[in-house]
PDB file of all heavy atoms in Angstrom:
ATOM      1  N   LEU A   1      34.974   7.406 -34.758  1.00  0.00           N
ATOM      2  CA  LEU A   1      35.911   7.002 -33.711  1.00  0.00           C
ATOM      3  C   LEU A   1      37.357   7.285 -34.122  1.00  0.00           C
ATOM      4  O   LEU A   1      38.193   7.631 -33.283  1.00  0.00           O
ATOM      5  CB  LEU A   1      35.721   5.520 -33.384  1.00  0.00           C
ATOM      6  CG  LEU A   1      34.423   5.204 -32.629  1.00  0.00           C
ATOM      7  CD1 LEU A   1      34.141   3.706 -32.650  1.00  0.00           C
ATOM      8  CD2 LEU A   1      34.492   5.712 -31.190  1.00  0.00           C
ATOM      9  N   PHE A   2      37.643   7.169 -35.410  1.00  0.00           N
ATOM     10  CA  PHE A   2      38.985   7.528 -35.880  1.00  0.00           C
ATOM     11  C   PHE A   2      39.209   9.040 -35.810  1.00  0.00           C
ATOM     12  O   PHE A   2      40.354   9.490 -35.741  1.00  0.00           O
ATOM     13  CB  PHE A   2      39.212   7.026 -37.297  1.00  0.00           C
ATOM     14  CG  PHE A   2      39.609   5.569 -37.384  1.00  0.00           C
ATOM     15  CD1 PHE A   2      39.098   4.751 -38.366  1.00  0.00           C
ATOM     16  CD2 PHE A   2      40.522   5.035 -36.489  1.00  0.00           C
ATOM     17  CE1 PHE A   2      39.470   3.418 -38.453  1.00  0.00           C
ATOM     18  CE2 PHE A   2      40.905   3.703 -36.560  1.00  0.00           C
ATOM     19  CZ  PHE A   2      40.373   2.893 -37.543  1.00  0.00           C
ATOM     20  N   ASP A   3      38.134   9.830 -35.822  1.00  0.00           N
ATOM     21  CA  ASP A   3      38.289  11.269 -35.589  1.00  0.00           C
ATOM     22  C   ASP A   3      38.785  11.523 -34.164  1.00  0.00           C
ATOM     23  O   ASP A   3      39.567  12.442 -33.919  1.00  0.00           O
ATOM     24  CB  ASP A   3      36.958  12.000 -35.802  1.00  0.00           C
ATOM     25  CG  ASP A   3      36.529  12.020 -37.265  1.00  0.00           C
ATOM     26  OD1 ASP A   3      37.381  11.796 -38.153  1.00  0.00           O
ATOM     27  OD2 ASP A   3      35.327  12.246 -37.514  1.00  0.00           O
ATOM     28  N   LEU A   4      38.313  10.708 -33.231  1.00  0.00           N
ATOM     29  CA  LEU A   4      38.750  10.822 -31.839  1.00  0.00           C
ATOM     30  C   LEU A   4      40.140  10.239 -31.655  1.00  0.00           C
ATOM     31  O   LEU A   4      40.993  10.840 -30.977  1.00  0.00           O
ATOM     32  CB  LEU A   4      37.755  10.081 -30.931  1.00  0.00           C
ATOM     33  CG  LEU A   4      38.155   9.924 -29.455  1.00  0.00           C
ATOM     34  CD1 LEU A   4      38.206  11.282 -28.759  1.00  0.00           C
ATOM     35  CD2 LEU A   4      37.177   8.997 -28.738  1.00  0.00           C
ATOM     36  N   ALA A   5      40.365   9.070 -32.233  1.00  0.00           N
ATOM     37  CA  ALA A   5      41.626   8.340 -32.058  1.00  0.00           C
ATOM     38  C   ALA A   5      42.121   7.880 -33.423  1.00  0.00           C
ATOM     39  O   ALA A   5      41.802   6.767 -33.858  1.00  0.00           O
ATOM     40  CB  ALA A   5      41.415   7.144 -31.130  1.00  0.00           C
ATOM     41  N   PRO A   6      42.860   8.721 -34.140  1.00  0.00           N
ATOM     42  CA  PRO A   6      43.270   8.396 -35.509  1.00  0.00           C
ATOM     43  C   PRO A   6      43.990   7.053 -35.618  1.00  0.00           C
ATOM     44  O   PRO A   6      44.771   6.676 -34.735  1.00  0.00           O
ATOM     45  CB  PRO A   6      44.202   9.552 -35.880  1.00  0.00           C
ATOM     46  CG  PRO A   6      43.738  10.689 -35.027  1.00  0.00           C
ATOM     47  CD  PRO A   6      43.313  10.059 -33.732  1.00  0.00           C
ATOM     48  N   ARG A   7      43.717   6.358 -36.699  1.00  0.00           N
ATOM     49  CA  ARG A   7      44.329   5.053 -36.943  1.00  0.00           C
ATOM     50  C   ARG A   7      45.851   5.149 -36.893  1.00  0.00           C
ATOM     51  O   ARG A   7      46.535   4.221 -36.448  1.00  0.00           O
ATOM     52  CB  ARG A   7      43.896   4.526 -38.312  1.00  0.00           C
ATOM     53  CG  ARG A   7      44.446   3.142 -38.637  1.00  0.00           C
ATOM     54  CD  ARG A   7      44.168   2.763 -40.087  1.00  0.00           C
ATOM     55  NE  ARG A   7      42.772   2.538 -40.371  1.00  0.00           N
ATOM     56  CZ  ARG A   7      42.145   1.364 -40.206  1.00  0.00           C
ATOM     57  NH1 ARG A   7      42.815   0.324 -39.729  1.00  0.00           N
ATOM     58  NH2 ARG A   7      40.867   1.231 -40.517  1.00  0.00           N
ATOM     59  N   GLU A   8      46.396   6.271 -37.348  1.00  0.00           N
ATOM     60  CA  GLU A   8      47.849   6.434 -37.417  1.00  0.00           C
ATOM     61  C   GLU A   8      48.507   6.373 -36.035  1.00  0.00           C
ATOM     62  O   GLU A   8      49.713   6.151 -35.928  1.00  0.00           O
ATOM     63  CB  GLU A   8      48.203   7.757 -38.091  1.00  0.00           C
ATOM     64  CG  GLU A   8      47.805   7.855 -39.553  1.00  0.00           C
ATOM     65  CD  GLU A   8      46.314   8.020 -39.775  1.00  0.00           C
ATOM     66  OE1 GLU A   8      45.612   8.498 -38.843  1.00  0.00           O
ATOM     67  OE2 GLU A   8      45.829   7.655 -40.875  1.00  0.00           O
ATOM     68  N   GLY A   9      47.727   6.557 -34.982  1.00  0.00           N
ATOM     69  CA  GLY A   9      48.275   6.501 -33.636  1.00  0.00           C
ATOM     70  C   GLY A   9      48.505   5.085 -33.132  1.00  0.00           C
ATOM     71  O   GLY A   9      49.181   4.893 -32.122  1.00  0.00           O
ATOM     72  N   ALA A  10      47.957   4.093 -33.833  1.00  0.00           N
ATOM     73  CA  ALA A  10      48.105   2.705 -33.391  1.00  0.00           C
ATOM     74  C   ALA A  10      49.529   2.217 -33.604  1.00  0.00           C
ATOM     75  O   ALA A  10      50.198   2.592 -34.574  1.00  0.00           O
ATOM     76  CB  ALA A  10      47.126   1.810 -34.142  1.00  0.00           C
ATOM     77  N   MET A  11      50.003   1.356 -32.718  1.00  0.00           N
ATOM     78  CA  MET A  11      51.326   0.766 -32.875  1.00  0.00           C
ATOM     79  C   MET A  11      51.323  -0.225 -34.037  1.00  0.00           C
ATOM     80  O   MET A  11      50.274  -0.765 -34.414  1.00  0.00           O
ATOM     81  CB  MET A  11      51.757   0.101 -31.573  1.00  0.00           C
ATOM     82  CG  MET A  11      51.919   1.100 -30.444  1.00  0.00           C
ATOM     83  SD  MET A  11      52.524   0.342 -28.909  1.00  0.00           S
ATOM     84  CE  MET A  11      52.470   1.768 -27.810  1.00  0.00           C
ATOM     85  N   ALA A  12      52.507  -0.473 -34.584  1.00  0.00           N
ATOM     86  CA  ALA A  12      52.620  -1.235 -35.829  1.00  0.00           C
ATOM     87  C   ALA A  12      52.032  -2.635 -35.714  1.00  0.00           C
ATOM     88  O   ALA A  12      51.484  -3.166 -36.694  1.00  0.00           O
ATOM     89  CB  ALA A  12      54.094  -1.316 -36.243  1.00  0.00           C
ATOM     90  N   TRP A  13      52.125  -3.255 -34.549  1.00  0.00           N
ATOM     91  CA  TRP A  13      51.642  -4.629 -34.378  1.00  0.00           C
ATOM     92  C   TRP A  13      50.139  -4.709 -34.136  1.00  0.00           C
ATOM     93  O   TRP A  13      49.554  -5.785 -34.141  1.00  0.00           O
ATOM     94  CB  TRP A  13      52.357  -5.300 -33.199  1.00  0.00           C
ATOM     95  CG  TRP A  13      52.328  -4.485 -31.938  1.00  0.00           C
ATOM     96  CD1 TRP A  13      53.311  -3.663 -31.476  1.00  0.00           C
ATOM     97  CD2 TRP A  13      51.263  -4.400 -30.987  1.00  0.00           C
ATOM     98  NE1 TRP A  13      52.928  -3.070 -30.297  1.00  0.00           N
ATOM     99  CE2 TRP A  13      51.681  -3.512 -29.963  1.00  0.00           C
ATOM    100  CE3 TRP A  13      50.007  -4.995 -30.891  1.00  0.00           C
ATOM    101  CZ2 TRP A  13      50.872  -3.186 -28.873  1.00  0.00           C
ATOM    102  CZ3 TRP A  13      49.195  -4.678 -29.796  1.00  0.00           C
ATOM    103  CH2 TRP A  13      49.628  -3.785 -28.795  1.00  0.00           C
ATOM    104  N   ASP A  14      49.503  -3.570 -33.925  1.00  0.00           N
ATOM    105  CA  ASP A  14      48.123  -3.544 -33.454  1.00  0.00           C
ATOM    106  C   ASP A  14      47.127  -3.792 -34.585  1.00  0.00           C
ATOM    107  O   ASP A  14      47.469  -3.717 -35.773  1.00  0.00           O
ATOM    108  CB  ASP A  14      47.846  -2.200 -32.784  1.00  0.00           C
ATOM    109  CG  ASP A  14      46.745  -2.275 -31.744  1.00  0.00           C
ATOM    110  OD1 ASP A  14      46.169  -3.351 -31.550  1.00  0.00           O
ATOM    111  OD2 ASP A  14      46.486  -1.234 -31.108  1.00  0.00           O
ATOM    112  N   ASN A  15      45.882  -4.052 -34.207  1.00  0.00           N
ATOM    113  CA  ASN A  15      44.806  -4.287 -35.163  1.00  0.00           C
ATOM    114  C   ASN A  15      43.600  -3.481 -34.704  1.00  0.00           C
ATOM    115  O   ASN A  15      42.928  -3.855 -33.744  1.00  0.00           O
ATOM    116  CB  ASN A  15      44.469  -5.784 -35.228  1.00  0.00           C
ATOM    117  CG  ASN A  15      43.547  -6.119 -36.379  1.00  0.00           C
ATOM    118  OD1 ASN A  15      43.531  -5.434 -37.389  1.00  0.00           O
ATOM    119  ND2 ASN A  15      42.782  -7.196 -36.240  1.00  0.00           N
ATOM    120  N   VAL A  16      43.336  -2.373 -35.365  1.00  0.00           N
ATOM    121  CA  VAL A  16      42.277  -1.472 -34.923  1.00  0.00           C
ATOM    122  C   VAL A  16      41.289  -1.210 -36.047  1.00  0.00           C
ATOM    123  O   VAL A  16      41.549  -1.480 -37.210  1.00  0.00           O
ATOM    124  CB  VAL A  16      42.860  -0.133 -34.412  1.00  0.00           C
ATOM    125  CG1 VAL A  16      43.842  -0.366 -33.273  1.00  0.00           C
ATOM    126  CG2 VAL A  16      43.544   0.646 -35.535  1.00  0.00           C
ATOM    127  N   GLY A  17      40.135  -0.659 -35.657  1.00  0.00           N
ATOM    128  CA  GLY A  17      39.092  -0.362 -36.620  1.00  0.00           C
ATOM    129  C   GLY A  17      38.010  -1.426 -36.610  1.00  0.00           C
ATOM    130  O   GLY A  17      37.843  -2.170 -35.641  1.00  0.00           O
ATOM    131  N   GLN A  18      37.256  -1.499 -37.720  1.00  0.00           N
ATOM    132  CA  GLN A  18      36.215  -2.515 -37.806  1.00  0.00           C
ATOM    133  C   GLN A  18      36.846  -3.874 -38.089  1.00  0.00           C
ATOM    134  O   GLN A  18      37.502  -4.072 -39.107  1.00  0.00           O
ATOM    135  CB  GLN A  18      35.201  -2.197 -38.903  1.00  0.00           C
ATOM    136  CG  GLN A  18      34.060  -3.210 -38.901  1.00  0.00           C
ATOM    137  CD  GLN A  18      33.083  -3.027 -40.025  1.00  0.00           C
ATOM    138  OE1 GLN A  18      33.136  -2.054 -40.765  1.00  0.00           O
ATOM    139  NE2 GLN A  18      32.167  -3.977 -40.161  1.00  0.00           N
ATOM    140  N   LEU A  19      36.633  -4.829 -37.212  1.00  0.00           N
ATOM    141  CA  LEU A  19      37.231  -6.152 -37.341  1.00  0.00           C
ATOM    142  C   LEU A  19      36.202  -7.221 -37.690  1.00  0.00           C
ATOM    143  O   LEU A  19      36.574  -8.295 -38.159  1.00  0.00           O
ATOM    144  CB  LEU A  19      37.956  -6.543 -36.045  1.00  0.00           C
ATOM    145  CG  LEU A  19      39.033  -5.571 -35.561  1.00  0.00           C
ATOM    146  CD1 LEU A  19      39.763  -6.167 -34.358  1.00  0.00           C
ATOM    147  CD2 LEU A  19      40.015  -5.219 -36.664  1.00  0.00           C
ATOM    148  N   LEU A  20      34.934  -6.942 -37.460  1.00  0.00           N
ATOM    149  CA  LEU A  20      33.874  -7.897 -37.783  1.00  0.00           C
ATOM    150  C   LEU A  20      32.668  -7.167 -38.340  1.00  0.00           C
ATOM    151  O   LEU A  20      32.402  -6.017 -37.968  1.00  0.00           O
ATOM    152  CB  LEU A  20      33.424  -8.660 -36.525  1.00  0.00           C
ATOM    153  CG  LEU A  20      34.356  -9.679 -35.881  1.00  0.00           C
ATOM    154  CD1 LEU A  20      33.712 -10.221 -34.607  1.00  0.00           C
ATOM    155  CD2 LEU A  20      34.665 -10.811 -36.833  1.00  0.00           C
ATOM    156  N   GLY A  21      31.929  -7.841 -39.230  1.00  0.00           N
ATOM    157  CA  GLY A  21      30.635  -7.341 -39.650  1.00  0.00           C
ATOM    158  C   GLY A  21      30.616  -6.608 -40.973  1.00  0.00           C
ATOM    159  O   GLY A  21      31.633  -6.476 -41.661  1.00  0.00           O
ATOM    160  N   ASN A  22      29.441  -6.136 -41.316  1.00  0.00           N
ATOM    161  CA  ASN A  22      29.178  -5.448 -42.577  1.00  0.00           C
ATOM    162  C   ASN A  22      29.398  -3.950 -42.410  1.00  0.00           C
ATOM    163  O   ASN A  22      28.678  -3.303 -41.647  1.00  0.00           O
ATOM    164  CB  ASN A  22      27.736  -5.726 -43.015  1.00  0.00           C
ATOM    165  CG  ASN A  22      27.345  -4.974 -44.269  1.00  0.00           C
ATOM    166  OD1 ASN A  22      28.192  -4.412 -44.973  1.00  0.00           O
ATOM    167  ND2 ASN A  22      26.056  -4.954 -44.567  1.00  0.00           N
ATOM    168  N   PRO A  23      30.356  -3.368 -43.121  1.00  0.00           N
ATOM    169  CA  PRO A  23      30.609  -1.928 -42.966  1.00  0.00           C
ATOM    170  C   PRO A  23      29.394  -1.052 -43.288  1.00  0.00           C
ATOM    171  O   PRO A  23      29.260   0.037 -42.717  1.00  0.00           O
ATOM    172  CB  PRO A  23      31.755  -1.657 -43.945  1.00  0.00           C
ATOM    173  CG  PRO A  23      32.406  -2.976 -44.141  1.00  0.00           C
ATOM    174  CD  PRO A  23      31.320  -3.989 -44.044  1.00  0.00           C
ATOM    175  N   GLU A  24      28.538  -1.528 -44.172  1.00  0.00           N
ATOM    176  CA  GLU A  24      27.387  -0.720 -44.574  1.00  0.00           C
ATOM    177  C   GLU A  24      26.136  -1.035 -43.762  1.00  0.00           C
ATOM    178  O   GLU A  24      25.069  -0.478 -44.027  1.00  0.00           O
ATOM    179  CB  GLU A  24      27.097  -0.925 -46.067  1.00  0.00           C
ATOM    180  CG  GLU A  24      28.295  -0.658 -46.970  1.00  0.00           C
ATOM    181  CD  GLU A  24      28.956   0.694 -46.718  1.00  0.00           C
ATOM    182  OE1 GLU A  24      28.246   1.658 -46.363  1.00  0.00           O
ATOM    183  OE2 GLU A  24      30.198   0.776 -46.844  1.00  0.00           O
ATOM    184  N   GLY A  25      26.260  -1.915 -42.797  1.00  0.00           N
ATOM    185  CA  GLY A  25      25.106  -2.233 -41.960  1.00  0.00           C
ATOM    186  C   GLY A  25      24.695  -1.051 -41.101  1.00  0.00           C
ATOM    187  O   GLY A  25      25.537  -0.408 -40.472  1.00  0.00           O
ATOM    188  N   GLU A  26      23.401  -0.757 -41.065  1.00  0.00           N
ATOM    189  CA  GLU A  26      22.903   0.331 -40.238  1.00  0.00           C
ATOM    190  C   GLU A  26      22.773  -0.128 -38.793  1.00  0.00           C
ATOM    191  O   GLU A  26      22.431  -1.274 -38.510  1.00  0.00           O
ATOM    192  CB  GLU A  26      21.561   0.839 -40.757  1.00  0.00           C
ATOM    193  CG  GLU A  26      21.669   1.532 -42.110  1.00  0.00           C
ATOM    194  CD  GLU A  26      20.386   2.231 -42.502  1.00  0.00           C
ATOM    195  OE1 GLU A  26      19.347   2.025 -41.822  1.00  0.00           O
ATOM    196  OE2 GLU A  26      20.410   2.986 -43.485  1.00  0.00           O
ATOM    197  N   VAL A  27      23.058   0.791 -37.891  1.00  0.00           N
ATOM    198  CA  VAL A  27      23.097   0.473 -36.469  1.00  0.00           C
ATOM    199  C   VAL A  27      22.160   1.402 -35.709  1.00  0.00           C
ATOM    200  O   VAL A  27      22.155   2.610 -35.939  1.00  0.00           O
ATOM    201  CB  VAL A  27      24.539   0.632 -35.919  1.00  0.00           C
ATOM    202  CG1 VAL A  27      24.576   0.367 -34.419  1.00  0.00           C
ATOM    203  CG2 VAL A  27      25.493  -0.300 -36.648  1.00  0.00           C
ATOM    204  N   SER A  28      21.381   0.821 -34.798  1.00  0.00           N
ATOM    205  CA  SER A  28      20.521   1.646 -33.941  1.00  0.00           C
ATOM    206  C   SER A  28      20.933   1.588 -32.480  1.00  0.00           C
ATOM    207  O   SER A  28      20.631   2.495 -31.704  1.00  0.00           O
ATOM    208  CB  SER A  28      19.054   1.215 -34.074  1.00  0.00           C
ATOM    209  OG  SER A  28      18.892  -0.144 -33.689  1.00  0.00           O
ATOM    210  N   ARG A  29      21.620   0.499 -32.114  1.00  0.00           N
ATOM    211  CA  ARG A  29      22.050   0.337 -30.725  1.00  0.00           C
ATOM    212  C   ARG A  29      23.515  -0.104 -30.693  1.00  0.00           C
ATOM    213  O   ARG A  29      23.924  -0.976 -31.468  1.00  0.00           O
ATOM    214  CB  ARG A  29      21.192  -0.691 -29.989  1.00  0.00           C
ATOM    215  CG  ARG A  29      19.710  -0.361 -29.944  1.00  0.00           C
ATOM    216  CD  ARG A  29      18.943  -1.377 -29.119  1.00  0.00           C
ATOM    217  NE  ARG A  29      19.296  -1.279 -27.706  1.00  0.00           N
ATOM    218  CZ  ARG A  29      18.714  -0.440 -26.854  1.00  0.00           C
ATOM    219  NH1 ARG A  29      17.754   0.378 -27.267  1.00  0.00           N
ATOM    220  NH2 ARG A  29      19.074  -0.419 -25.588  1.00  0.00           N
ATOM    221  N   VAL A  30      24.287   0.489 -29.782  1.00  0.00           N
ATOM    222  CA  VAL A  30      25.715   0.194 -29.652  1.00  0.00           C
ATOM    223  C   VAL A  30      26.024  -0.142 -28.198  1.00  0.00           C
ATOM    224  O   VAL A  30      25.563   0.548 -27.278  1.00  0.00           O
ATOM    225  CB  VAL A  30      26.578   1.394 -30.086  1.00  0.00           C
ATOM    226  CG1 VAL A  30      28.063   1.102 -29.869  1.00  0.00           C
ATOM    227  CG2 VAL A  30      26.312   1.739 -31.544  1.00  0.00           C
ATOM    228  N   LEU A  31      26.826  -1.172 -28.014  1.00  0.00           N
ATOM    229  CA  LEU A  31      27.311  -1.524 -26.684  1.00  0.00           C
ATOM    230  C   LEU A  31      28.808  -1.236 -26.625  1.00  0.00           C
ATOM    231  O   LEU A  31      29.549  -1.616 -27.539  1.00  0.00           O
ATOM    232  CB  LEU A  31      27.055  -3.005 -26.391  1.00  0.00           C
ATOM    233  CG  LEU A  31      27.373  -3.477 -24.966  1.00  0.00           C
ATOM    234  CD1 LEU A  31      26.407  -2.841 -23.961  1.00  0.00           C
ATOM    235  CD2 LEU A  31      27.296  -5.007 -24.870  1.00  0.00           C
ATOM    236  N   VAL A  32      29.255  -0.569 -25.567  1.00  0.00           N
ATOM    237  CA  VAL A  32      30.670  -0.232 -25.381  1.00  0.00           C
ATOM    238  C   VAL A  32      31.222  -1.071 -24.236  1.00  0.00           C
ATOM    239  O   VAL A  32      30.607  -1.161 -23.168  1.00  0.00           O
ATOM    240  CB  VAL A  32      30.846   1.264 -25.064  1.00  0.00           C
ATOM    241  CG1 VAL A  32      32.310   1.586 -24.771  1.00  0.00           C
ATOM    242  CG2 VAL A  32      30.336   2.114 -26.228  1.00  0.00           C
ATOM    243  N   ALA A  33      32.387  -1.690 -24.471  1.00  0.00           N
ATOM    244  CA  ALA A  33      33.024  -2.515 -23.444  1.00  0.00           C
ATOM    245  C   ALA A  33      34.526  -2.483 -23.619  1.00  0.00           C
ATOM    246  O   ALA A  33      35.021  -2.263 -24.732  1.00  0.00           O
ATOM    247  CB  ALA A  33      32.527  -3.962 -23.520  1.00  0.00           C
ATOM    248  N   LEU A  34      35.241  -2.736 -22.544  1.00  0.00           N
ATOM    249  CA  LEU A  34      36.704  -2.772 -22.652  1.00  0.00           C
ATOM    250  C   LEU A  34      37.151  -3.961 -23.495  1.00  0.00           C
ATOM    251  O   LEU A  34      38.068  -3.853 -24.302  1.00  0.00           O
ATOM    252  CB  LEU A  34      37.334  -2.852 -21.263  1.00  0.00           C
ATOM    253  CG  LEU A  34      38.837  -2.584 -21.232  1.00  0.00           C
ATOM    254  CD1 LEU A  34      39.146  -1.122 -21.531  1.00  0.00           C
ATOM    255  CD2 LEU A  34      39.437  -2.987 -19.892  1.00  0.00           C
ATOM    256  N   ASP A  35      36.494  -5.109 -23.308  1.00  0.00           N
ATOM    257  CA  ASP A  35      36.808  -6.332 -24.040  1.00  0.00           C
ATOM    258  C   ASP A  35      35.521  -6.914 -24.613  1.00  0.00           C
ATOM    259  O   ASP A  35      34.436  -6.737 -24.038  1.00  0.00           O
ATOM    260  CB  ASP A  35      37.425  -7.392 -23.115  1.00  0.00           C
ATOM    261  CG  ASP A  35      38.675  -6.918 -22.418  1.00  0.00           C
ATOM    262  OD1 ASP A  35      39.757  -7.047 -23.007  1.00  0.00           O
ATOM    263  OD2 ASP A  35      38.566  -6.405 -21.283  1.00  0.00           O
ATOM    264  N   ILE A  36      35.647  -7.659 -25.681  1.00  0.00           N
ATOM    265  CA  ILE A  36      34.505  -8.402 -26.212  1.00  0.00           C
ATOM    266  C   ILE A  36      34.630  -9.836 -25.719  1.00  0.00           C
ATOM    267  O   ILE A  36      35.367 -10.650 -26.277  1.00  0.00           O
ATOM    268  CB  ILE A  36      34.439  -8.336 -27.745  1.00  0.00           C
ATOM    269  CG1 ILE A  36      34.370  -6.878 -28.204  1.00  0.00           C
ATOM    270  CG2 ILE A  36      33.220  -9.107 -28.257  1.00  0.00           C
ATOM    271  CD1 ILE A  36      34.326  -6.694 -29.712  1.00  0.00           C
ATOM    272  N   THR A  37      33.932 -10.129 -24.657  1.00  0.00           N
ATOM    273  CA  THR A  37      33.914 -11.456 -24.060  1.00  0.00           C
ATOM    274  C   THR A  37      32.619 -12.163 -24.454  1.00  0.00           C
ATOM    275  O   THR A  37      31.716 -11.568 -25.064  1.00  0.00           O
ATOM    276  CB  THR A  37      33.990 -11.358 -22.536  1.00  0.00           C
ATOM    277  OG1 THR A  37      32.798 -10.693 -22.062  1.00  0.00           O
ATOM    278  CG2 THR A  37      35.215 -10.571 -22.089  1.00  0.00           C
ATOM    279  N   GLU A  38      32.492 -13.431 -24.065  1.00  0.00           N
ATOM    280  CA  GLU A  38      31.243 -14.156 -24.308  1.00  0.00           C
ATOM    281  C   GLU A  38      30.077 -13.447 -23.629  1.00  0.00           C
ATOM    282  O   GLU A  38      28.995 -13.322 -24.210  1.00  0.00           O
ATOM    283  CB  GLU A  38      31.364 -15.591 -23.797  1.00  0.00           C
ATOM    284  CG  GLU A  38      32.227 -16.488 -24.654  1.00  0.00           C
ATOM    285  CD  GLU A  38      31.466 -17.112 -25.827  1.00  0.00           C
ATOM    286  OE1 GLU A  38      30.235 -16.926 -25.920  1.00  0.00           O
ATOM    287  OE2 GLU A  38      32.127 -17.772 -26.644  1.00  0.00           O
ATOM    288  N   ASP A  39      30.284 -12.983 -22.389  1.00  0.00           N
ATOM    289  CA  ASP A  39      29.204 -12.287 -21.678  1.00  0.00           C
ATOM    290  C   ASP A  39      28.819 -10.991 -22.380  1.00  0.00           C
ATOM    291  O   ASP A  39      27.631 -10.649 -22.464  1.00  0.00           O
ATOM    292  CB  ASP A  39      29.633 -11.982 -20.239  1.00  0.00           C
ATOM    293  CG  ASP A  39      29.641 -13.218 -19.353  1.00  0.00           C
ATOM    294  OD1 ASP A  39      29.046 -14.241 -19.750  1.00  0.00           O
ATOM    295  OD2 ASP A  39      30.252 -13.152 -18.263  1.00  0.00           O
ATOM    296  N   VAL A  40      29.816 -10.266 -22.875  1.00  0.00           N
ATOM    297  CA  VAL A  40      29.528  -9.016 -23.595  1.00  0.00           C
ATOM    298  C   VAL A  40      28.775  -9.319 -24.887  1.00  0.00           C
ATOM    299  O   VAL A  40      27.822  -8.609 -25.246  1.00  0.00           O
ATOM    300  CB  VAL A  40      30.831  -8.244 -23.864  1.00  0.00           C
ATOM    301  CG1 VAL A  40      30.593  -7.097 -24.837  1.00  0.00           C
ATOM    302  CG2 VAL A  40      31.413  -7.720 -22.554  1.00  0.00           C
ATOM    303  N   ALA A  41      29.181 -10.361 -25.590  1.00  0.00           N
ATOM    304  CA  ALA A  41      28.473 -10.746 -26.817  1.00  0.00           C
ATOM    305  C   ALA A  41      27.024 -11.093 -26.511  1.00  0.00           C
ATOM    306  O   ALA A  41      26.099 -10.647 -27.211  1.00  0.00           O
ATOM    307  CB  ALA A  41      29.183 -11.922 -27.477  1.00  0.00           C
ATOM    308  N   ASP A  42      26.802 -11.881 -25.460  1.00  0.00           N
ATOM    309  CA  ASP A  42      25.432 -12.246 -25.085  1.00  0.00           C
ATOM    310  C   ASP A  42      24.620 -11.011 -24.699  1.00  0.00           C
ATOM    311  O   ASP A  42      23.433 -10.896 -25.040  1.00  0.00           O
ATOM    312  CB  ASP A  42      25.451 -13.229 -23.913  1.00  0.00           C
ATOM    313  CG  ASP A  42      25.969 -14.608 -24.303  1.00  0.00           C
ATOM    314  OD1 ASP A  42      25.955 -14.935 -25.515  1.00  0.00           O
ATOM    315  OD2 ASP A  42      26.400 -15.354 -23.393  1.00  0.00           O
TER     316      ASP A  42
END
């Protein structure tokens, strides 16, 4: 994702990248959403 949208493009106040979880965790399914809400988490 940083290949698509490099971290350097983020504004100074912003917080981007992996914010939760295990970086080495393997993933088989991904959900994409504009926001992470309670409904999206469920």
